[in-house]
Amino acid sequence: MLKPRAPAWVRGGHPHIVEAHAQDEATHAYADMRAAPPVIDNRDLERSITQLLEPRIRKAMSGDEPFYIQHGPYEHETMRPPPAQPPQYDLAFVLRADERIMWPLEAKIMETPKKVAPYVKDVRDEFLTCRYGPFSNSGAMLGYLLEGESADALAAIETALGCRLEPLAEHPGKPGSLSRHDRTVPVGKGYPARFDCYHLILAWPGLKRAKTDVADGARGS
């Protein structure tokens, strides 16, 4: 099997095309959902919001981008031996020229600004181990905040990660930040060791999880 060639968002010195689109289009999709709220099934709140965001992100795209958005794609590069299932992303921008290469966006429900443990666990256990986004030097986390302020959630994430969250200069005033990390690259793999994680907090006041909501868990082994 041919090794995928690193796309523009990986190669040093190239514009961060996807990062800019991800922030803009996720924000537009979120604004669309808040302006005309769809029915959101709170029995499976995280997946319901994400599934509804995906067509709105696609709508915000021109169609001329070198990538497309997909809900629930599988990452076969880091799949463990059978019978394990491959990791599955909540959302990903998929490179048209080589669809093995994806830029993931992982979503987590945050019931209050201080309940960030599952969110931070995904950053550490998935992105920083190269299990998610192995061919990319960046990816994104989406925090679905049900109560409280986005700024407080970002402050709690910064504390829990133990690193500085930088405001996004290209998106002033938006509820997003960036953290910079060194990843643990598996032996024999040429994945990028430096990794930038984008953090976008989307507030959903008034939404609540049903008592029977599906618990957060891994989608793939």
N, C-alpha and C. Protein backbone atom coordinates (compact mmCIF):
# COMPACT_ATOMS: atom_id res chain seq x y z
N MET A 1 0.85 -1.20 0.00
CA MET A 1 0.00 0.00 0.00
C MET A 1 0.88 1.24 0.00
N LEU A 2 0.59 2.19 -0.86
CA LEU A 2 1.36 3.42 -0.93
C LEU A 2 1.11 4.26 0.32
N LYS A 3 2.19 4.85 0.82
CA LYS A 3 2.07 5.73 1.97
C LYS A 3 1.45 7.05 1.53
N PRO A 4 0.42 7.54 2.22
CA PRO A 4 -0.18 8.82 1.83
C PRO A 4 0.84 9.96 1.88
N ARG A 5 0.77 10.85 0.91
CA ARG A 5 1.62 12.03 0.90
C ARG A 5 0.95 13.10 1.76
N ALA A 6 1.74 13.73 2.62
CA ALA A 6 1.19 14.73 3.53
C ALA A 6 0.52 15.86 2.76
N PRO A 7 -0.70 16.23 3.14
CA PRO A 7 -1.42 17.30 2.45
C PRO A 7 -0.93 18.68 2.88
N ALA A 8 -1.55 19.70 2.32
CA ALA A 8 -1.12 21.08 2.58
C ALA A 8 -1.19 21.44 4.05
N TRP A 9 -2.14 20.86 4.80
CA TRP A 9 -2.26 21.26 6.20
C TRP A 9 -1.20 20.58 7.06
N VAL A 10 -0.38 19.68 6.48
CA VAL A 10 0.69 19.02 7.22
C VAL A 10 2.05 19.60 6.85
N ARG A 11 2.30 19.86 5.59
CA ARG A 11 3.62 20.25 5.13
C ARG A 11 4.00 21.63 5.67
N GLY A 12 5.18 21.72 6.24
CA GLY A 12 5.64 22.98 6.81
C GLY A 12 5.69 24.09 5.78
N GLY A 13 5.30 25.30 6.21
CA GLY A 13 5.39 26.45 5.35
C GLY A 13 4.19 26.66 4.45
N HIS A 14 3.21 25.78 4.48
CA HIS A 14 2.03 25.93 3.64
C HIS A 14 0.90 26.56 4.45
N PRO A 15 -0.02 27.24 3.79
CA PRO A 15 -1.14 27.83 4.52
C PRO A 15 -1.97 26.76 5.21
N HIS A 16 -2.48 27.09 6.37
CA HIS A 16 -3.34 26.15 7.10
C HIS A 16 -4.75 26.27 6.55
N ILE A 17 -4.99 25.65 5.40
CA ILE A 17 -6.25 25.79 4.68
C ILE A 17 -7.42 25.25 5.49
N VAL A 18 -7.27 24.04 5.98
CA VAL A 18 -8.39 23.39 6.66
C VAL A 18 -8.72 24.08 7.97
N GLU A 19 -7.68 24.47 8.73
CA GLU A 19 -7.93 25.10 10.02
C GLU A 19 -8.84 26.32 9.86
N ALA A 20 -8.55 27.15 8.86
CA ALA A 20 -9.36 28.35 8.62
C ALA A 20 -10.79 27.98 8.26
N HIS A 21 -10.94 26.99 7.38
CA HIS A 21 -12.28 26.57 6.97
C HIS A 21 -13.04 25.95 8.15
N ALA A 22 -12.35 25.14 8.96
CA ALA A 22 -13.03 24.46 10.07
C ALA A 22 -13.65 25.47 11.03
N GLN A 23 -12.88 26.49 11.38
CA GLN A 23 -13.40 27.50 12.29
C GLN A 23 -14.58 28.24 11.68
N ASP A 24 -14.41 28.70 10.45
CA ASP A 24 -15.46 29.48 9.80
C ASP A 24 -16.74 28.66 9.60
N GLU A 25 -16.57 27.46 9.06
CA GLU A 25 -17.75 26.69 8.66
C GLU A 25 -18.46 26.08 9.86
N ALA A 26 -17.71 25.66 10.88
CA ALA A 26 -18.36 25.17 12.10
C ALA A 26 -19.13 26.29 12.78
N THR A 27 -18.54 27.50 12.78
CA THR A 27 -19.22 28.65 13.38
C THR A 27 -20.48 29.02 12.60
N HIS A 28 -20.39 29.00 11.27
CA HIS A 28 -21.58 29.29 10.44
C HIS A 28 -22.66 28.24 10.67
N ALA A 29 -22.25 26.97 10.73
CA ALA A 29 -23.23 25.89 10.95
C ALA A 29 -23.91 26.04 12.30
N TYR A 30 -23.13 26.37 13.31
CA TYR A 30 -23.67 26.59 14.65
C TYR A 30 -24.66 27.76 14.65
N ALA A 31 -24.28 28.87 14.00
CA ALA A 31 -25.17 30.03 13.94
C ALA A 31 -26.47 29.68 13.22
N ASP A 32 -26.37 28.87 12.19
CA ASP A 32 -27.55 28.42 11.43
C ASP A 32 -28.48 27.61 12.34
N MET A 33 -27.90 26.71 13.12
CA MET A 33 -28.71 25.89 14.02
C MET A 33 -29.35 26.71 15.13
N ARG A 34 -28.64 27.74 15.62
CA ARG A 34 -29.20 28.57 16.68
C ARG A 34 -30.29 29.49 16.14
N ALA A 35 -30.14 29.93 14.87
CA ALA A 35 -31.14 30.83 14.27
C ALA A 35 -32.43 30.09 13.94
N ALA A 36 -32.30 28.84 13.51
CA ALA A 36 -33.48 28.03 13.16
C ALA A 36 -33.30 26.67 13.83
N PRO A 37 -33.59 26.58 15.12
CA PRO A 37 -33.27 25.37 15.88
C PRO A 37 -34.00 24.13 15.36
N PRO A 38 -33.25 23.08 15.02
CA PRO A 38 -33.88 21.82 14.64
C PRO A 38 -34.27 21.03 15.89
N VAL A 39 -34.98 19.96 15.69
CA VAL A 39 -35.29 19.06 16.81
C VAL A 39 -34.03 18.26 17.11
N ILE A 40 -33.56 18.35 18.36
CA ILE A 40 -32.35 17.64 18.79
C ILE A 40 -32.75 16.57 19.79
N ASP A 41 -32.40 15.34 19.51
CA ASP A 41 -32.76 14.21 20.36
C ASP A 41 -31.82 14.16 21.56
N ASN A 42 -32.35 14.48 22.74
CA ASN A 42 -31.48 14.54 23.91
C ASN A 42 -31.21 13.18 24.55
N ARG A 43 -31.73 12.11 23.94
CA ARG A 43 -31.38 10.77 24.41
C ARG A 43 -29.97 10.39 23.97
N ASP A 44 -29.46 11.08 22.96
CA ASP A 44 -28.12 10.83 22.43
C ASP A 44 -27.60 12.18 21.94
N LEU A 45 -27.41 13.08 22.90
CA LEU A 45 -27.27 14.50 22.59
C LEU A 45 -26.04 14.80 21.74
N GLU A 46 -24.90 14.25 22.10
CA GLU A 46 -23.66 14.55 21.38
C GLU A 46 -23.76 14.16 19.91
N ARG A 47 -24.20 12.95 19.65
CA ARG A 47 -24.30 12.49 18.26
C ARG A 47 -25.39 13.25 17.51
N SER A 48 -26.47 13.59 18.20
CA SER A 48 -27.57 14.31 17.54
C SER A 48 -27.12 15.68 17.06
N ILE A 49 -26.42 16.43 17.92
CA ILE A 49 -25.92 17.75 17.53
C ILE A 49 -24.94 17.62 16.38
N THR A 50 -24.02 16.67 16.49
CA THR A 50 -22.99 16.51 15.46
C THR A 50 -23.60 16.14 14.11
N GLN A 51 -24.56 15.24 14.13
CA GLN A 51 -25.20 14.82 12.89
C GLN A 51 -25.91 15.99 12.21
N LEU A 52 -26.49 16.89 13.02
CA LEU A 52 -27.18 18.06 12.46
C LEU A 52 -26.21 19.15 12.00
N LEU A 53 -25.04 19.22 12.62
CA LEU A 53 -24.03 20.19 12.19
C LEU A 53 -23.47 19.86 10.81
N GLU A 54 -23.30 18.57 10.54
CA GLU A 54 -22.60 18.16 9.31
C GLU A 54 -23.21 18.72 8.03
N PRO A 55 -24.53 18.60 7.78
CA PRO A 55 -25.07 19.17 6.54
C PRO A 55 -24.99 20.68 6.50
N ARG A 56 -24.99 21.32 7.66
CA ARG A 56 -24.89 22.78 7.70
C ARG A 56 -23.46 23.24 7.41
N ILE A 57 -22.48 22.44 7.83
CA ILE A 57 -21.10 22.74 7.46
C ILE A 57 -20.94 22.59 5.95
N ARG A 58 -21.50 21.51 5.41
CA ARG A 58 -21.41 21.30 3.96
C ARG A 58 -22.07 22.45 3.20
N LYS A 59 -23.18 22.94 3.72
CA LYS A 59 -23.88 24.05 3.08
C LYS A 59 -23.02 25.31 3.06
N ALA A 60 -22.20 25.51 4.12
CA ALA A 60 -21.35 26.70 4.22
C ALA A 60 -20.14 26.63 3.31
N MET A 61 -19.84 25.44 2.79
CA MET A 61 -18.67 25.28 1.92
C MET A 61 -19.03 25.64 0.49
N SER A 62 -18.03 26.07 -0.27
CA SER A 62 -18.26 26.46 -1.66
C SER A 62 -18.37 25.25 -2.58
N GLY A 63 -17.75 24.14 -2.18
CA GLY A 63 -17.67 22.96 -3.04
C GLY A 63 -16.38 22.91 -3.85
N ASP A 64 -15.62 24.01 -3.82
CA ASP A 64 -14.36 24.05 -4.57
C ASP A 64 -13.16 23.71 -3.69
N GLU A 65 -13.38 23.46 -2.40
CA GLU A 65 -12.28 23.14 -1.51
C GLU A 65 -11.65 21.79 -1.89
N PRO A 66 -10.38 21.59 -1.57
CA PRO A 66 -9.72 20.30 -1.87
C PRO A 66 -10.08 19.21 -0.87
N PHE A 67 -11.16 19.38 -0.13
CA PHE A 67 -11.60 18.42 0.86
C PHE A 67 -13.11 18.54 1.01
N TYR A 68 -13.71 17.53 1.63
CA TYR A 68 -15.15 17.56 1.92
C TYR A 68 -15.36 17.17 3.37
N ILE A 69 -16.55 17.46 3.89
CA ILE A 69 -16.87 17.14 5.28
C ILE A 69 -17.62 15.81 5.34
N GLN A 70 -17.34 15.02 6.37
CA GLN A 70 -18.03 13.73 6.53
C GLN A 70 -18.31 13.49 8.01
N HIS A 71 -19.48 12.96 8.30
CA HIS A 71 -19.88 12.59 9.66
C HIS A 71 -19.60 11.12 9.88
N GLY A 72 -18.81 10.80 10.92
CA GLY A 72 -18.60 9.41 11.31
C GLY A 72 -17.63 8.59 10.48
N PRO A 73 -16.60 9.17 9.84
CA PRO A 73 -15.68 8.34 9.06
C PRO A 73 -14.74 7.54 9.97
N TYR A 74 -14.24 6.44 9.44
CA TYR A 74 -13.34 5.56 10.19
C TYR A 74 -11.89 5.85 9.83
N GLU A 75 -11.00 5.73 10.84
CA GLU A 75 -9.56 5.90 10.64
C GLU A 75 -8.90 4.53 10.61
N HIS A 76 -8.67 4.00 9.42
CA HIS A 76 -8.11 2.66 9.30
C HIS A 76 -6.60 2.62 9.53
N GLU A 77 -5.93 3.75 9.40
CA GLU A 77 -4.47 3.79 9.58
C GLU A 77 -4.07 3.31 10.98
N THR A 78 -4.84 3.66 12.01
CA THR A 78 -4.45 3.32 13.38
C THR A 78 -5.34 2.23 13.97
N MET A 79 -6.00 1.48 13.12
CA MET A 79 -6.83 0.36 13.58
C MET A 79 -5.94 -0.72 14.20
N ARG A 80 -6.36 -1.23 15.35
CA ARG A 80 -5.64 -2.32 15.98
C ARG A 80 -5.99 -3.64 15.29
N PRO A 81 -5.23 -4.71 15.55
CA PRO A 81 -5.49 -5.98 14.86
C PRO A 81 -6.92 -6.47 15.08
N PRO A 82 -7.50 -7.16 14.08
CA PRO A 82 -8.85 -7.73 14.21
C PRO A 82 -8.90 -8.61 15.45
N PRO A 83 -10.07 -8.63 16.11
CA PRO A 83 -11.38 -8.13 15.66
C PRO A 83 -11.67 -6.68 16.06
N ALA A 84 -10.67 -5.90 16.41
CA ALA A 84 -10.90 -4.52 16.82
C ALA A 84 -11.52 -3.72 15.68
N GLN A 85 -12.34 -2.75 16.06
CA GLN A 85 -12.92 -1.82 15.10
C GLN A 85 -12.01 -0.60 14.98
N PRO A 86 -11.97 0.05 13.83
CA PRO A 86 -11.12 1.24 13.68
C PRO A 86 -11.69 2.41 14.46
N PRO A 87 -10.85 3.36 14.85
CA PRO A 87 -11.36 4.59 15.46
C PRO A 87 -12.32 5.28 14.51
N GLN A 88 -13.32 5.94 15.07
CA GLN A 88 -14.32 6.65 14.26
C GLN A 88 -14.40 8.09 14.74
N TYR A 89 -14.29 9.02 13.79
CA TYR A 89 -14.35 10.45 14.11
C TYR A 89 -15.79 10.92 14.16
N ASP A 90 -16.05 11.94 14.97
CA ASP A 90 -17.36 12.58 14.96
C ASP A 90 -17.57 13.28 13.62
N LEU A 91 -16.60 14.10 13.24
CA LEU A 91 -16.60 14.78 11.95
C LEU A 91 -15.17 14.79 11.44
N ALA A 92 -15.01 14.87 10.13
CA ALA A 92 -13.67 15.03 9.57
C ALA A 92 -13.76 15.70 8.21
N PHE A 93 -12.75 16.52 7.92
CA PHE A 93 -12.56 17.01 6.57
C PHE A 93 -11.66 15.99 5.87
N VAL A 94 -12.12 15.47 4.76
CA VAL A 94 -11.43 14.40 4.04
C VAL A 94 -10.80 14.96 2.78
N LEU A 95 -9.52 14.68 2.59
CA LEU A 95 -8.79 15.19 1.42
C LEU A 95 -9.27 14.47 0.16
N ARG A 96 -9.70 15.23 -0.83
CA ARG A 96 -10.23 14.63 -2.06
C ARG A 96 -9.16 13.83 -2.81
N ALA A 97 -7.92 14.33 -2.79
CA ALA A 97 -6.86 13.68 -3.57
C ALA A 97 -6.42 12.35 -2.97
N ASP A 98 -6.63 12.17 -1.67
CA ASP A 98 -6.28 10.91 -1.00
C ASP A 98 -7.18 10.79 0.22
N GLU A 99 -8.25 10.02 0.09
CA GLU A 99 -9.29 9.98 1.12
C GLU A 99 -8.89 9.22 2.37
N ARG A 100 -7.66 8.71 2.40
CA ARG A 100 -7.14 8.15 3.65
C ARG A 100 -6.74 9.24 4.62
N ILE A 101 -6.57 10.45 4.12
CA ILE A 101 -6.07 11.55 4.94
C ILE A 101 -7.24 12.42 5.39
N MET A 102 -7.39 12.53 6.71
CA MET A 102 -8.52 13.25 7.29
C MET A 102 -8.06 14.21 8.37
N TRP A 103 -8.80 15.32 8.49
CA TRP A 103 -8.56 16.32 9.55
C TRP A 103 -9.76 16.23 10.50
N PRO A 104 -9.56 15.62 11.68
CA PRO A 104 -10.71 15.30 12.55
C PRO A 104 -11.19 16.46 13.41
N LEU A 105 -12.50 16.42 13.69
CA LEU A 105 -13.12 17.29 14.69
C LEU A 105 -13.87 16.36 15.64
N GLU A 106 -13.45 16.35 16.90
CA GLU A 106 -14.06 15.49 17.90
C GLU A 106 -14.95 16.31 18.82
N ALA A 107 -16.14 15.81 19.08
CA ALA A 107 -17.13 16.54 19.88
C ALA A 107 -17.29 15.92 21.27
N LYS A 108 -17.53 16.78 22.25
CA LYS A 108 -17.82 16.32 23.60
C LYS A 108 -18.85 17.24 24.24
N ILE A 109 -19.83 16.63 24.91
CA ILE A 109 -20.79 17.39 25.71
C ILE A 109 -20.07 17.89 26.97
N MET A 110 -20.31 19.17 27.31
CA MET A 110 -19.80 19.75 28.55
C MET A 110 -21.02 20.31 29.28
N GLU A 111 -21.46 19.63 30.31
CA GLU A 111 -22.68 20.06 31.00
C GLU A 111 -22.49 21.38 31.73
N THR A 112 -21.28 21.63 32.22
CA THR A 112 -20.92 22.92 32.82
C THR A 112 -19.49 23.21 32.39
N PRO A 113 -19.03 24.46 32.57
CA PRO A 113 -17.66 24.78 32.16
C PRO A 113 -16.58 23.98 32.87
N LYS A 114 -16.88 23.44 34.05
CA LYS A 114 -15.86 22.71 34.80
C LYS A 114 -15.82 21.22 34.47
N LYS A 115 -16.83 20.72 33.77
CA LYS A 115 -16.88 19.28 33.46
C LYS A 115 -16.17 19.01 32.13
N VAL A 116 -14.84 19.05 32.21
CA VAL A 116 -14.03 18.95 31.00
C VAL A 116 -13.24 17.64 30.91
N ALA A 117 -13.38 16.73 31.89
CA ALA A 117 -12.55 15.53 31.92
C ALA A 117 -12.66 14.69 30.64
N PRO A 118 -13.88 14.36 30.13
CA PRO A 118 -13.96 13.57 28.90
C PRO A 118 -13.35 14.29 27.69
N TYR A 119 -13.51 15.60 27.65
CA TYR A 119 -12.96 16.42 26.56
C TYR A 119 -11.43 16.33 26.57
N VAL A 120 -10.84 16.56 27.75
CA VAL A 120 -9.38 16.55 27.87
C VAL A 120 -8.82 15.15 27.62
N LYS A 121 -9.57 14.12 28.03
CA LYS A 121 -9.14 12.74 27.80
C LYS A 121 -8.99 12.46 26.31
N ASP A 122 -9.91 12.96 25.49
CA ASP A 122 -9.81 12.76 24.05
C ASP A 122 -8.56 13.43 23.47
N VAL A 123 -8.25 14.62 23.95
CA VAL A 123 -7.04 15.29 23.48
C VAL A 123 -5.82 14.44 23.80
N ARG A 124 -5.71 14.03 25.04
CA ARG A 124 -4.52 13.30 25.48
C ARG A 124 -4.43 11.88 24.92
N ASP A 125 -5.53 11.14 25.01
CA ASP A 125 -5.49 9.72 24.67
C ASP A 125 -5.65 9.43 23.19
N GLU A 126 -6.23 10.36 22.44
CA GLU A 126 -6.50 10.11 21.03
C GLU A 126 -5.59 10.95 20.12
N PHE A 127 -5.65 12.28 20.26
CA PHE A 127 -4.83 13.13 19.40
C PHE A 127 -3.34 13.02 19.71
N LEU A 128 -2.99 13.07 20.98
CA LEU A 128 -1.57 13.15 21.33
C LEU A 128 -0.86 11.80 21.30
N THR A 129 -1.60 10.74 21.06
CA THR A 129 -1.00 9.42 20.83
C THR A 129 -0.92 9.08 19.34
N CYS A 130 -1.41 9.99 18.51
CA CYS A 130 -1.48 9.79 17.05
C CYS A 130 -2.55 8.79 16.64
N ARG A 131 -3.39 8.35 17.57
CA ARG A 131 -4.47 7.45 17.20
C ARG A 131 -5.48 8.18 16.33
N TYR A 132 -5.72 9.46 16.63
CA TYR A 132 -6.56 10.31 15.80
C TYR A 132 -5.65 11.26 15.01
N GLY A 133 -6.00 11.50 13.77
CA GLY A 133 -5.27 12.44 12.94
C GLY A 133 -3.81 12.10 12.73
N PRO A 134 -3.48 10.83 12.44
CA PRO A 134 -2.07 10.45 12.37
C PRO A 134 -1.28 11.20 11.30
N PHE A 135 -1.91 11.53 10.18
CA PHE A 135 -1.19 12.19 9.09
C PHE A 135 -1.24 13.71 9.17
N SER A 136 -1.93 14.23 10.17
CA SER A 136 -2.13 15.67 10.27
C SER A 136 -1.34 16.26 11.43
N ASN A 137 -0.94 17.51 11.29
CA ASN A 137 -0.28 18.17 12.42
C ASN A 137 -1.24 19.06 13.19
N SER A 138 -2.54 18.87 12.96
CA SER A 138 -3.55 19.61 13.72
C SER A 138 -4.89 18.90 13.62
N GLY A 139 -5.78 19.28 14.51
CA GLY A 139 -7.14 18.76 14.53
C GLY A 139 -7.95 19.67 15.45
N ALA A 140 -9.21 19.32 15.68
CA ALA A 140 -10.07 20.21 16.46
C ALA A 140 -10.94 19.44 17.44
N MET A 141 -11.22 20.10 18.56
CA MET A 141 -12.20 19.63 19.53
C MET A 141 -13.37 20.59 19.52
N LEU A 142 -14.59 20.04 19.54
CA LEU A 142 -15.81 20.83 19.65
C LEU A 142 -16.43 20.55 21.02
N GLY A 143 -16.56 21.57 21.83
CA GLY A 143 -17.20 21.41 23.14
C GLY A 143 -18.63 21.92 23.07
N TYR A 144 -19.60 21.04 23.30
CA TYR A 144 -21.00 21.44 23.31
C TYR A 144 -21.37 21.80 24.75
N LEU A 145 -21.36 23.09 25.04
CA LEU A 145 -21.54 23.57 26.41
C LEU A 145 -23.02 23.82 26.69
N LEU A 146 -23.56 23.11 27.69
CA LEU A 146 -24.99 23.19 27.99
C LEU A 146 -25.34 24.29 28.99
N GLU A 147 -24.36 24.74 29.74
CA GLU A 147 -24.63 25.75 30.78
C GLU A 147 -23.35 26.51 31.06
N GLY A 148 -23.44 27.83 31.26
CA GLY A 148 -22.27 28.61 31.61
C GLY A 148 -21.64 29.31 30.43
N GLU A 149 -20.44 29.87 30.65
CA GLU A 149 -19.77 30.71 29.68
C GLU A 149 -18.64 29.97 28.97
N SER A 150 -18.51 30.24 27.67
CA SER A 150 -17.45 29.61 26.88
C SER A 150 -16.06 29.94 27.41
N ALA A 151 -15.86 31.19 27.82
CA ALA A 151 -14.55 31.60 28.33
C ALA A 151 -14.17 30.79 29.57
N ASP A 152 -15.14 30.48 30.42
CA ASP A 152 -14.86 29.68 31.62
C ASP A 152 -14.51 28.25 31.24
N ALA A 153 -15.16 27.72 30.22
CA ALA A 153 -14.85 26.37 29.76
C ALA A 153 -13.43 26.30 29.20
N LEU A 154 -13.05 27.30 28.41
CA LEU A 154 -11.69 27.33 27.85
C LEU A 154 -10.65 27.45 28.96
N ALA A 155 -10.95 28.23 29.99
CA ALA A 155 -10.03 28.36 31.13
C ALA A 155 -9.86 27.03 31.85
N ALA A 156 -10.95 26.27 32.01
CA ALA A 156 -10.88 24.96 32.67
C ALA A 156 -10.11 23.97 31.82
N ILE A 157 -10.28 24.02 30.50
CA ILE A 157 -9.53 23.14 29.60
C ILE A 157 -8.04 23.46 29.68
N GLU A 158 -7.70 24.74 29.70
CA GLU A 158 -6.30 25.16 29.80
C GLU A 158 -5.66 24.61 31.06
N THR A 159 -6.38 24.72 32.18
CA THR A 159 -5.86 24.21 33.45
C THR A 159 -5.68 22.70 33.42
N ALA A 160 -6.68 22.00 32.89
CA ALA A 160 -6.63 20.53 32.86
C ALA A 160 -5.55 20.01 31.92
N LEU A 161 -5.34 20.69 30.80
CA LEU A 161 -4.29 20.27 29.86
C LEU A 161 -2.90 20.65 30.35
N GLY A 162 -2.83 21.68 31.20
CA GLY A 162 -1.55 22.12 31.70
C GLY A 162 -0.71 22.85 30.67
N CYS A 163 -1.36 23.50 29.72
CA CYS A 163 -0.65 24.27 28.71
C CYS A 163 -1.49 25.50 28.34
N ARG A 164 -0.83 26.47 27.75
CA ARG A 164 -1.52 27.71 27.41
C ARG A 164 -2.43 27.52 26.21
N LEU A 165 -3.64 28.07 26.30
CA LEU A 165 -4.54 28.14 25.15
C LEU A 165 -4.44 29.54 24.56
N GLU A 166 -4.03 29.60 23.31
CA GLU A 166 -3.82 30.88 22.63
C GLU A 166 -5.11 31.30 21.93
N PRO A 167 -5.48 32.57 22.02
CA PRO A 167 -6.64 33.05 21.24
C PRO A 167 -6.31 32.98 19.76
N LEU A 168 -7.33 32.79 18.95
CA LEU A 168 -7.13 32.68 17.52
C LEU A 168 -7.10 34.07 16.90
N ALA A 169 -5.93 34.48 16.44
CA ALA A 169 -5.77 35.83 15.89
C ALA A 169 -6.63 36.04 14.66
N GLU A 170 -6.82 34.93 13.88
CA GLU A 170 -7.61 35.06 12.65
C GLU A 170 -9.11 35.06 12.90
N HIS A 171 -9.51 34.77 14.16
CA HIS A 171 -10.94 34.72 14.50
C HIS A 171 -11.18 35.46 15.81
N PRO A 172 -10.85 36.75 15.89
CA PRO A 172 -11.05 37.49 17.14
C PRO A 172 -12.52 37.53 17.55
N GLY A 173 -12.75 37.35 18.84
CA GLY A 173 -14.11 37.43 19.35
C GLY A 173 -14.89 36.15 19.28
N LYS A 174 -14.33 35.11 18.61
CA LYS A 174 -15.04 33.83 18.52
C LYS A 174 -14.59 32.92 19.66
N PRO A 175 -15.46 32.00 20.09
CA PRO A 175 -15.17 31.19 21.28
C PRO A 175 -14.20 30.05 20.98
N GLY A 176 -13.02 30.39 20.46
CA GLY A 176 -12.06 29.37 20.09
C GLY A 176 -10.67 29.70 20.57
N SER A 177 -9.85 28.66 20.71
CA SER A 177 -8.46 28.80 21.13
C SER A 177 -7.64 27.70 20.49
N LEU A 178 -6.33 27.80 20.70
CA LEU A 178 -5.38 26.86 20.12
C LEU A 178 -4.39 26.44 21.19
N SER A 179 -4.13 25.14 21.28
CA SER A 179 -3.06 24.65 22.16
C SER A 179 -2.04 23.91 21.31
N ARG A 180 -0.76 24.01 21.71
CA ARG A 180 0.33 23.42 20.94
C ARG A 180 0.96 22.30 21.75
N HIS A 181 1.24 21.17 21.08
CA HIS A 181 1.68 19.97 21.79
C HIS A 181 2.78 19.24 21.02
N ASP A 182 3.50 18.37 21.76
CA ASP A 182 4.38 17.37 21.16
C ASP A 182 3.69 16.02 21.32
N ARG A 183 3.53 15.31 20.21
CA ARG A 183 2.84 14.01 20.26
C ARG A 183 3.82 12.86 20.47
N THR A 184 3.30 11.76 20.97
CA THR A 184 4.05 10.52 21.07
C THR A 184 3.83 9.74 19.77
N VAL A 185 4.85 9.71 18.93
CA VAL A 185 4.73 9.05 17.63
C VAL A 185 5.16 7.59 17.76
N PRO A 186 4.31 6.63 17.34
CA PRO A 186 4.69 5.22 17.42
C PRO A 186 6.00 4.93 16.68
N VAL A 187 6.75 3.98 17.19
CA VAL A 187 8.03 3.60 16.59
C VAL A 187 7.81 3.17 15.14
N GLY A 188 8.64 3.69 14.26
CA GLY A 188 8.57 3.31 12.86
C GLY A 188 7.60 4.10 12.02
N LYS A 189 6.88 5.05 12.64
CA LYS A 189 5.90 5.85 11.92
C LYS A 189 6.45 7.27 11.69
N GLY A 190 6.11 7.83 10.55
CA GLY A 190 6.59 9.16 10.21
C GLY A 190 5.54 10.24 10.42
N TYR A 191 4.64 10.04 11.37
CA TYR A 191 3.59 11.02 11.62
C TYR A 191 4.19 12.32 12.17
N PRO A 192 3.54 13.47 11.94
CA PRO A 192 4.04 14.72 12.52
C PRO A 192 4.06 14.66 14.05
N ALA A 193 5.19 15.06 14.63
CA ALA A 193 5.31 15.03 16.09
C ALA A 193 4.69 16.28 16.73
N ARG A 194 4.77 17.39 16.04
CA ARG A 194 4.15 18.62 16.55
C ARG A 194 2.67 18.61 16.19
N PHE A 195 1.84 19.02 17.14
CA PHE A 195 0.40 18.97 16.91
C PHE A 195 -0.27 20.20 17.52
N ASP A 196 -1.09 20.87 16.71
CA ASP A 196 -1.90 21.99 17.18
C ASP A 196 -3.34 21.53 17.33
N CYS A 197 -3.91 21.76 18.51
CA CYS A 197 -5.30 21.38 18.75
C CYS A 197 -6.15 22.64 18.84
N TYR A 198 -7.12 22.74 17.97
CA TYR A 198 -8.06 23.87 17.97
C TYR A 198 -9.23 23.53 18.88
N HIS A 199 -9.65 24.48 19.67
CA HIS A 199 -10.74 24.29 20.63
C HIS A 199 -11.86 25.28 20.31
N LEU A 200 -13.03 24.75 19.98
CA LEU A 200 -14.17 25.59 19.66
C LEU A 200 -15.32 25.22 20.60
N ILE A 201 -15.75 26.15 21.42
CA ILE A 201 -16.81 25.91 22.39
C ILE A 201 -18.12 26.48 21.84
N LEU A 202 -19.10 25.61 21.67
CA LEU A 202 -20.41 26.00 21.14
C LEU A 202 -21.45 25.87 22.26
N ALA A 203 -22.04 26.99 22.63
CA ALA A 203 -22.99 27.01 23.75
C ALA A 203 -24.38 26.60 23.28
N TRP A 204 -25.01 25.71 24.06
CA TRP A 204 -26.37 25.25 23.77
C TRP A 204 -27.23 25.45 25.02
N PRO A 205 -27.48 26.70 25.40
CA PRO A 205 -28.30 26.95 26.60
C PRO A 205 -29.71 26.39 26.43
N GLY A 206 -30.18 25.77 27.47
CA GLY A 206 -31.53 25.21 27.43
C GLY A 206 -31.57 23.74 27.06
N LEU A 207 -30.51 23.23 26.44
CA LEU A 207 -30.47 21.80 26.13
C LEU A 207 -30.03 21.02 27.36
N LYS A 208 -30.64 19.88 27.58
CA LYS A 208 -30.24 19.01 28.67
C LYS A 208 -30.23 17.57 28.20
N ARG A 209 -29.31 16.81 28.75
CA ARG A 209 -29.27 15.39 28.45
C ARG A 209 -30.45 14.68 29.10
N ALA A 210 -31.02 13.73 28.38
CA ALA A 210 -32.02 12.87 28.99
C ALA A 210 -31.33 11.94 29.98
N LYS A 211 -32.06 11.49 30.97
CA LYS A 211 -31.47 10.57 31.95
C LYS A 211 -31.03 9.28 31.30
N THR A 212 -31.62 8.97 30.16
CA THR A 212 -31.28 7.74 29.44
C THR A 212 -30.27 7.99 28.32
N ASP A 213 -29.62 9.18 28.33
CA ASP A 213 -28.66 9.50 27.27
C ASP A 213 -27.58 8.44 27.20
N VAL A 214 -27.16 8.12 25.97
CA VAL A 214 -26.10 7.15 25.76
C VAL A 214 -24.82 7.71 26.37
N ALA A 215 -24.14 6.93 27.19
CA ALA A 215 -22.92 7.41 27.85
C ALA A 215 -21.82 7.62 26.82
N ASP A 216 -20.97 8.62 27.09
CA ASP A 216 -19.80 8.83 26.24
C ASP A 216 -18.94 7.58 26.26
N GLY A 217 -18.47 7.18 25.11
CA GLY A 217 -17.60 6.02 25.05
C GLY A 217 -16.84 6.00 23.76
N ALA A 218 -15.92 5.07 23.66
CA ALA A 218 -15.09 4.97 22.46
C ALA A 218 -15.90 4.42 21.30
N ARG A 219 -15.65 4.96 20.12
CA ARG A 219 -16.27 4.45 18.91
C ARG A 219 -15.18 3.76 18.11
N GLY A 220 -14.94 2.54 18.45
CA GLY A 220 -13.84 1.81 17.80
C GLY A 220 -12.74 1.55 18.80
N SER A 221 -11.96 0.53 18.53
CA SER A 221 -10.92 0.10 19.48
C SER A 221 -9.55 0.20 18.84
